[in-house]
Amino acid sequence: MELALSSPPPLAGKTVAVVGGGVGGLVAAGLLARQGAAVTVLEQRPVAGGRLGEHRLGPAGEWRFDSGPSLLLMPEVYRETFELLGDPEPLEMSPVAAPFYHVFFGDDPAGTAPIQLDPARRREEFAAAIERLEGWPGDSMERFDAYMAAATAALDGGWPLAIEERWDVKTVTAVLPAFARSALRNFPANLPVGQSHMQQLHRYFPTSDKVRALLSFQDLYVGLSPYEAPAVFSLLQAMEVQSRADL
């Protein structure tokens, strides 16, 4: 994505009001300002940032609680946004030391260690966990890697087409062939549509409902049940794993 600037800027002399000083509002205001508009951001709260806010408690405000998202995914999108806004310095991002999640199941025996859901950085621990949930050592990680390959293909195709809505000929011809090859490579398990996310996971992990739950609860982020969400929503898992690995 590129922001073309001309002289004079195309919005020079225009006045724009942006309602809401959340992340989307601030980015929109910045891009409009880069195009020459005089922008006013209207925010009802004392500070901007929207969901990227915080609450501070304690005598000196030393206890900090995030009021918004606990995860920031797709670091390249943030870097690209800062570049579009004219920031000359590359955006530096560092992952926190802890895994994405510590997962517990209600019927775990007392003292069972939580599953650290962070396969990008804790692969051995994750492999041991899903083998334990499936009940035998074997090819669990081979099937997980195959599933993640399909999820990554869903992300590579779904992001530009469904999220960025880039349906120009160049993007479509670059994305769809790889998308189709992935769907046919392990047919029908890799079909991104025509089956639910849970049905797809059942093809890869037929013996453990806990493994399937472990790899599908991300659908709740977008308000969907994995029993109803199309299999293409495996891209949420790919987002998490890739974002962790790319930082």
Protein backbone atom coordinates (compact mmCIF):
# COMPACT_ATOMS: atom_id res chain seq x y z
CA MET A 1 0.00 0.00 0.00
CA GLU A 2 1.29 3.42 -0.94
CA LEU A 3 0.07 6.91 -0.12
CA ALA A 4 0.58 9.09 -3.17
CA LEU A 5 1.27 12.73 -2.36
CA SER A 6 0.97 15.45 -4.95
CA SER A 7 1.67 19.16 -4.98
CA PRO A 8 -0.61 20.72 -3.93
CA PRO A 9 -2.03 17.88 -1.80
CA PRO A 10 -5.43 16.73 -3.11
CA LEU A 11 -7.30 17.73 0.07
CA ALA A 12 -5.62 21.10 0.57
CA GLY A 13 -8.18 23.64 1.81
CA LYS A 14 -10.62 20.97 2.94
CA THR A 15 -11.81 20.77 6.55
CA VAL A 16 -12.61 17.35 7.99
CA ALA A 17 -14.00 16.21 11.35
CA VAL A 18 -13.23 12.68 12.50
CA VAL A 19 -15.60 11.39 15.20
CA GLY A 20 -13.75 9.14 17.60
CA GLY A 21 -10.13 9.17 18.67
CA GLY A 22 -9.59 5.43 18.70
CA VAL A 23 -6.95 3.71 16.60
CA GLY A 24 -9.08 3.81 13.46
CA GLY A 25 -10.00 7.45 13.96
CA LEU A 26 -6.44 8.53 14.62
CA VAL A 27 -5.10 6.68 11.58
CA ALA A 28 -7.87 8.12 9.37
CA ALA A 29 -7.12 11.61 10.69
CA GLY A 30 -3.41 11.18 10.06
CA LEU A 31 -3.89 9.96 6.50
CA LEU A 32 -6.31 12.79 5.73
CA ALA A 33 -3.86 15.31 7.17
CA ARG A 34 -1.11 13.84 5.00
CA GLN A 35 -3.33 14.55 2.01
CA GLY A 36 -3.57 18.22 3.03
CA ALA A 37 -6.85 18.37 4.96
CA ALA A 38 -7.30 20.39 8.13
CA VAL A 39 -8.49 17.67 10.51
CA THR A 40 -10.24 17.91 13.87
CA VAL A 41 -10.60 14.73 15.94
CA LEU A 42 -13.63 14.65 18.26
CA GLU A 43 -13.17 12.34 21.25
CA GLN A 44 -15.49 12.16 24.25
CA ARG A 45 -12.87 10.83 26.63
CA PRO A 46 -10.06 12.85 28.23
CA VAL A 47 -7.43 10.97 26.21
CA ALA A 48 -7.34 9.45 22.74
CA GLY A 49 -6.58 5.84 21.97
CA GLY A 50 -9.96 4.14 22.23
CA ARG A 51 -9.54 0.53 23.27
CA LEU A 52 -5.81 1.03 23.61
CA GLY A 53 -6.42 2.65 26.95
CA GLU A 54 -5.45 1.90 30.50
CA HIS A 55 -6.56 2.30 34.07
CA ARG A 56 -4.03 3.23 36.70
CA LEU A 57 -4.60 2.57 40.38
CA GLY A 58 -2.53 2.99 43.49
CA PRO A 59 -1.27 6.08 45.31
CA ALA A 60 1.04 7.01 42.45
CA GLY A 61 -0.80 5.20 39.66
CA GLU A 62 1.76 2.43 39.74
CA TRP A 63 -0.74 -0.37 39.06
CA ARG A 64 -1.58 -0.42 35.36
CA PHE A 65 -4.44 -2.34 33.79
CA ASP A 66 -5.05 -2.39 30.03
CA SER A 67 -8.65 -1.59 29.17
CA GLY A 68 -8.51 -2.91 25.63
CA PRO A 69 -6.99 -5.77 23.65
CA SER A 70 -4.55 -8.13 25.31
CA LEU A 71 -2.92 -9.05 21.99
CA LEU A 72 -1.59 -7.01 19.09
CA LEU A 73 -1.31 -9.16 15.99
CA MET A 74 0.02 -8.59 12.47
CA PRO A 75 3.01 -6.38 13.39
CA GLU A 76 3.68 -5.63 9.72
CA VAL A 77 0.34 -3.81 9.50
CA TYR A 78 1.41 -1.48 12.32
CA ARG A 79 4.77 -0.86 10.69
CA GLU A 80 3.13 -0.10 7.35
CA THR A 81 0.64 2.26 9.01
CA PHE A 82 3.39 4.27 10.68
CA GLU A 83 5.20 4.50 7.36
CA LEU A 84 2.04 5.78 5.66
CA LEU A 85 1.69 8.39 8.38
CA GLY A 86 5.15 9.68 7.57
CA ASP A 87 7.10 8.35 10.55
CA PRO A 88 10.73 8.30 9.38
CA GLU A 89 11.81 5.84 12.06
CA PRO A 90 11.04 2.11 11.74
CA LEU A 91 8.55 0.92 14.34
CA GLU A 92 10.18 -1.37 16.87
CA MET A 93 8.02 -4.01 18.54
CA SER A 94 9.05 -6.63 21.06
CA PRO A 95 7.06 -9.65 22.23
CA VAL A 96 6.34 -10.15 25.90
CA ALA A 97 8.11 -13.07 27.50
CA ALA A 98 4.97 -14.95 28.49
CA PRO A 99 3.14 -17.28 26.07
CA PHE A 100 -0.08 -16.13 24.43
CA TYR A 101 -2.20 -18.23 26.75
CA HIS A 102 -2.07 -20.58 29.67
CA VAL A 103 -4.86 -23.07 28.93
CA PHE A 104 -6.66 -25.08 31.59
CA PHE A 105 -9.47 -27.59 31.15
CA GLY A 106 -12.15 -28.00 33.78
CA ASP A 107 -11.49 -31.70 34.30
CA ASP A 108 -7.70 -31.40 34.62
CA PRO A 109 -6.44 -33.25 37.71
CA ALA A 110 -5.17 -31.04 40.50
CA GLY A 111 -1.64 -29.90 39.84
CA THR A 112 -1.81 -30.33 36.05
CA ALA A 113 0.49 -27.82 34.41
CA PRO A 114 -1.31 -25.43 32.04
CA ILE A 115 -0.79 -25.74 28.32
CA GLN A 116 1.38 -22.92 27.02
CA LEU A 117 -0.23 -22.07 23.71
CA ASP A 118 2.77 -20.59 21.94
CA PRO A 119 3.91 -23.09 19.27
CA ALA A 120 6.16 -20.55 17.54
CA ARG A 121 8.49 -20.24 20.54
CA ARG A 122 7.63 -23.23 22.74
CA ARG A 123 7.26 -25.97 20.17
CA GLU A 124 8.48 -28.87 22.32
CA GLU A 125 6.17 -27.99 25.20
CA PHE A 126 3.25 -27.56 22.82
CA ALA A 127 3.99 -30.90 21.10
CA ALA A 128 4.04 -32.69 24.45
CA ALA A 129 0.73 -31.08 25.40
CA ILE A 130 -1.23 -32.08 22.31
CA GLU A 131 0.23 -35.57 22.36
CA ARG A 132 -0.94 -35.87 25.96
CA LEU A 133 -4.41 -34.65 25.00
CA GLU A 134 -4.60 -37.10 22.09
CA GLY A 135 -3.44 -39.92 24.33
CA TRP A 136 -0.37 -41.19 22.53
CA PRO A 137 2.98 -39.99 21.17
CA GLY A 138 3.05 -39.96 17.43
CA ASP A 139 2.40 -37.65 14.53
CA SER A 140 0.45 -34.93 16.33
CA MET A 141 2.86 -32.16 15.32
CA GLU A 142 2.98 -33.37 11.72
CA ARG A 143 -0.79 -32.96 11.57
CA PHE A 144 -0.55 -29.63 13.37
CA ASP A 145 2.03 -28.39 10.85
CA ALA A 146 -0.23 -29.51 7.98
CA TYR A 147 -3.17 -27.70 9.57
CA MET A 148 -1.07 -24.56 10.07
CA ALA A 149 0.02 -24.67 6.42
CA ALA A 150 -3.67 -24.59 5.44
CA ALA A 151 -4.33 -21.82 7.98
CA THR A 152 -1.44 -19.77 6.59
CA ALA A 153 -2.79 -20.20 3.06
CA ALA A 154 -6.18 -18.99 4.32
CA LEU A 155 -4.47 -15.95 5.85
CA ASP A 156 -2.43 -15.20 2.72
CA GLY A 157 -5.56 -15.31 0.60
CA GLY A 158 -8.11 -14.02 3.06
CA TRP A 159 -6.19 -10.94 4.23
CA PRO A 160 -5.85 -9.07 0.91
CA LEU A 161 -9.24 -10.18 -0.44
CA ALA A 162 -11.55 -10.25 2.58
CA ILE A 163 -9.89 -7.76 4.95
CA GLU A 164 -8.21 -5.25 2.64
CA GLU A 165 -10.83 -5.87 -0.11
CA ARG A 166 -8.23 -5.65 -2.86
CA TRP A 167 -10.05 -7.26 -5.76
CA ASP A 168 -7.89 -5.75 -8.49
CA VAL A 169 -6.65 -8.10 -11.19
CA LYS A 170 -3.04 -8.05 -9.97
CA THR A 171 -3.96 -9.08 -6.40
CA VAL A 172 -6.52 -11.69 -7.41
CA THR A 173 -4.20 -13.38 -9.91
CA ALA A 174 -1.40 -13.41 -7.34
CA VAL A 175 -3.50 -14.80 -4.49
CA LEU A 176 -6.12 -17.18 -5.84
CA PRO A 177 -3.84 -19.82 -7.45
CA ALA A 178 -1.98 -20.48 -4.19
CA PHE A 179 -5.29 -20.41 -2.32
CA ALA A 180 -6.71 -23.04 -4.68
CA ARG A 181 -3.59 -25.23 -4.51
CA SER A 182 -3.80 -25.30 -0.73
CA ALA A 183 -7.48 -26.27 -0.83
CA LEU A 184 -6.76 -29.16 -3.21
CA ARG A 185 -3.53 -30.33 -1.56
CA ASN A 186 -5.34 -32.16 1.24
CA PHE A 187 -8.87 -32.30 -0.10
CA PRO A 188 -11.37 -31.93 1.54
CA ALA A 189 -9.62 -31.07 4.83
CA ASN A 190 -8.17 -27.81 3.48
CA LEU A 191 -11.36 -26.45 1.95
CA PRO A 192 -11.72 -22.90 3.34
CA VAL A 193 -15.48 -22.85 2.71
CA GLY A 194 -18.13 -25.56 2.58
CA GLN A 195 -17.20 -26.84 6.03
CA SER A 196 -17.01 -25.33 9.47
CA HIS A 197 -13.77 -24.65 11.28
CA MET A 198 -14.61 -27.43 13.73
CA GLN A 199 -15.23 -29.89 10.89
CA GLN A 200 -11.84 -29.02 9.43
CA LEU A 201 -10.14 -29.57 12.77
CA HIS A 202 -11.96 -32.90 13.18
CA ARG A 203 -10.29 -34.10 9.99
CA TYR A 204 -6.87 -33.28 11.42
CA PHE A 205 -7.49 -34.21 15.08
CA PRO A 206 -10.32 -36.76 15.11
CA THR A 207 -9.68 -38.22 18.57
CA SER A 208 -9.46 -35.20 20.88
CA ASP A 209 -12.18 -32.62 21.40
CA LYS A 210 -9.75 -30.75 23.67
CA VAL A 211 -7.20 -30.27 20.88
CA ARG A 212 -9.99 -29.06 18.62
CA ALA A 213 -11.13 -26.62 21.30
CA LEU A 214 -7.56 -25.48 21.82
CA LEU A 215 -7.23 -24.55 18.15
CA SER A 216 -10.65 -23.01 17.56
CA PHE A 217 -11.59 -20.72 20.46
CA GLN A 218 -10.02 -17.80 18.55
CA ASP A 219 -13.21 -17.74 16.44
CA LEU A 220 -14.88 -16.15 19.45
CA TYR A 221 -12.73 -13.04 18.83
CA VAL A 222 -14.99 -12.19 15.90
CA GLY A 223 -18.20 -13.35 17.57
CA LEU A 224 -18.50 -16.71 15.83
CA SER A 225 -18.83 -20.26 17.04
CA PRO A 226 -16.27 -22.68 15.57
CA TYR A 227 -19.22 -24.94 14.77
CA GLU A 228 -20.61 -22.21 12.49
CA ALA A 229 -17.53 -20.26 11.35
CA PRO A 230 -16.23 -21.32 7.91
CA ALA A 231 -12.90 -23.13 7.93
CA VAL A 232 -11.24 -20.03 6.47
CA PHE A 233 -11.28 -18.62 10.00
CA SER A 234 -8.30 -20.84 10.74
CA LEU A 235 -6.50 -17.70 9.55
CA LEU A 236 -6.93 -16.36 13.11
CA GLN A 237 -4.63 -19.11 14.37
CA ALA A 238 -2.12 -18.29 11.64
CA MET A 239 -2.24 -14.62 12.65
CA GLU A 240 -1.27 -15.47 16.20
CA VAL A 241 1.53 -17.86 15.35
CA GLN A 242 3.02 -15.71 12.58
CA SER A 243 2.78 -12.52 14.63
CA ARG A 244 4.66 -14.21 17.44
CA ALA A 245 7.35 -15.47 15.08
CA ASP A 246 7.73 -12.19 13.15
CA LEU A 247 8.52 -9.95 16.11
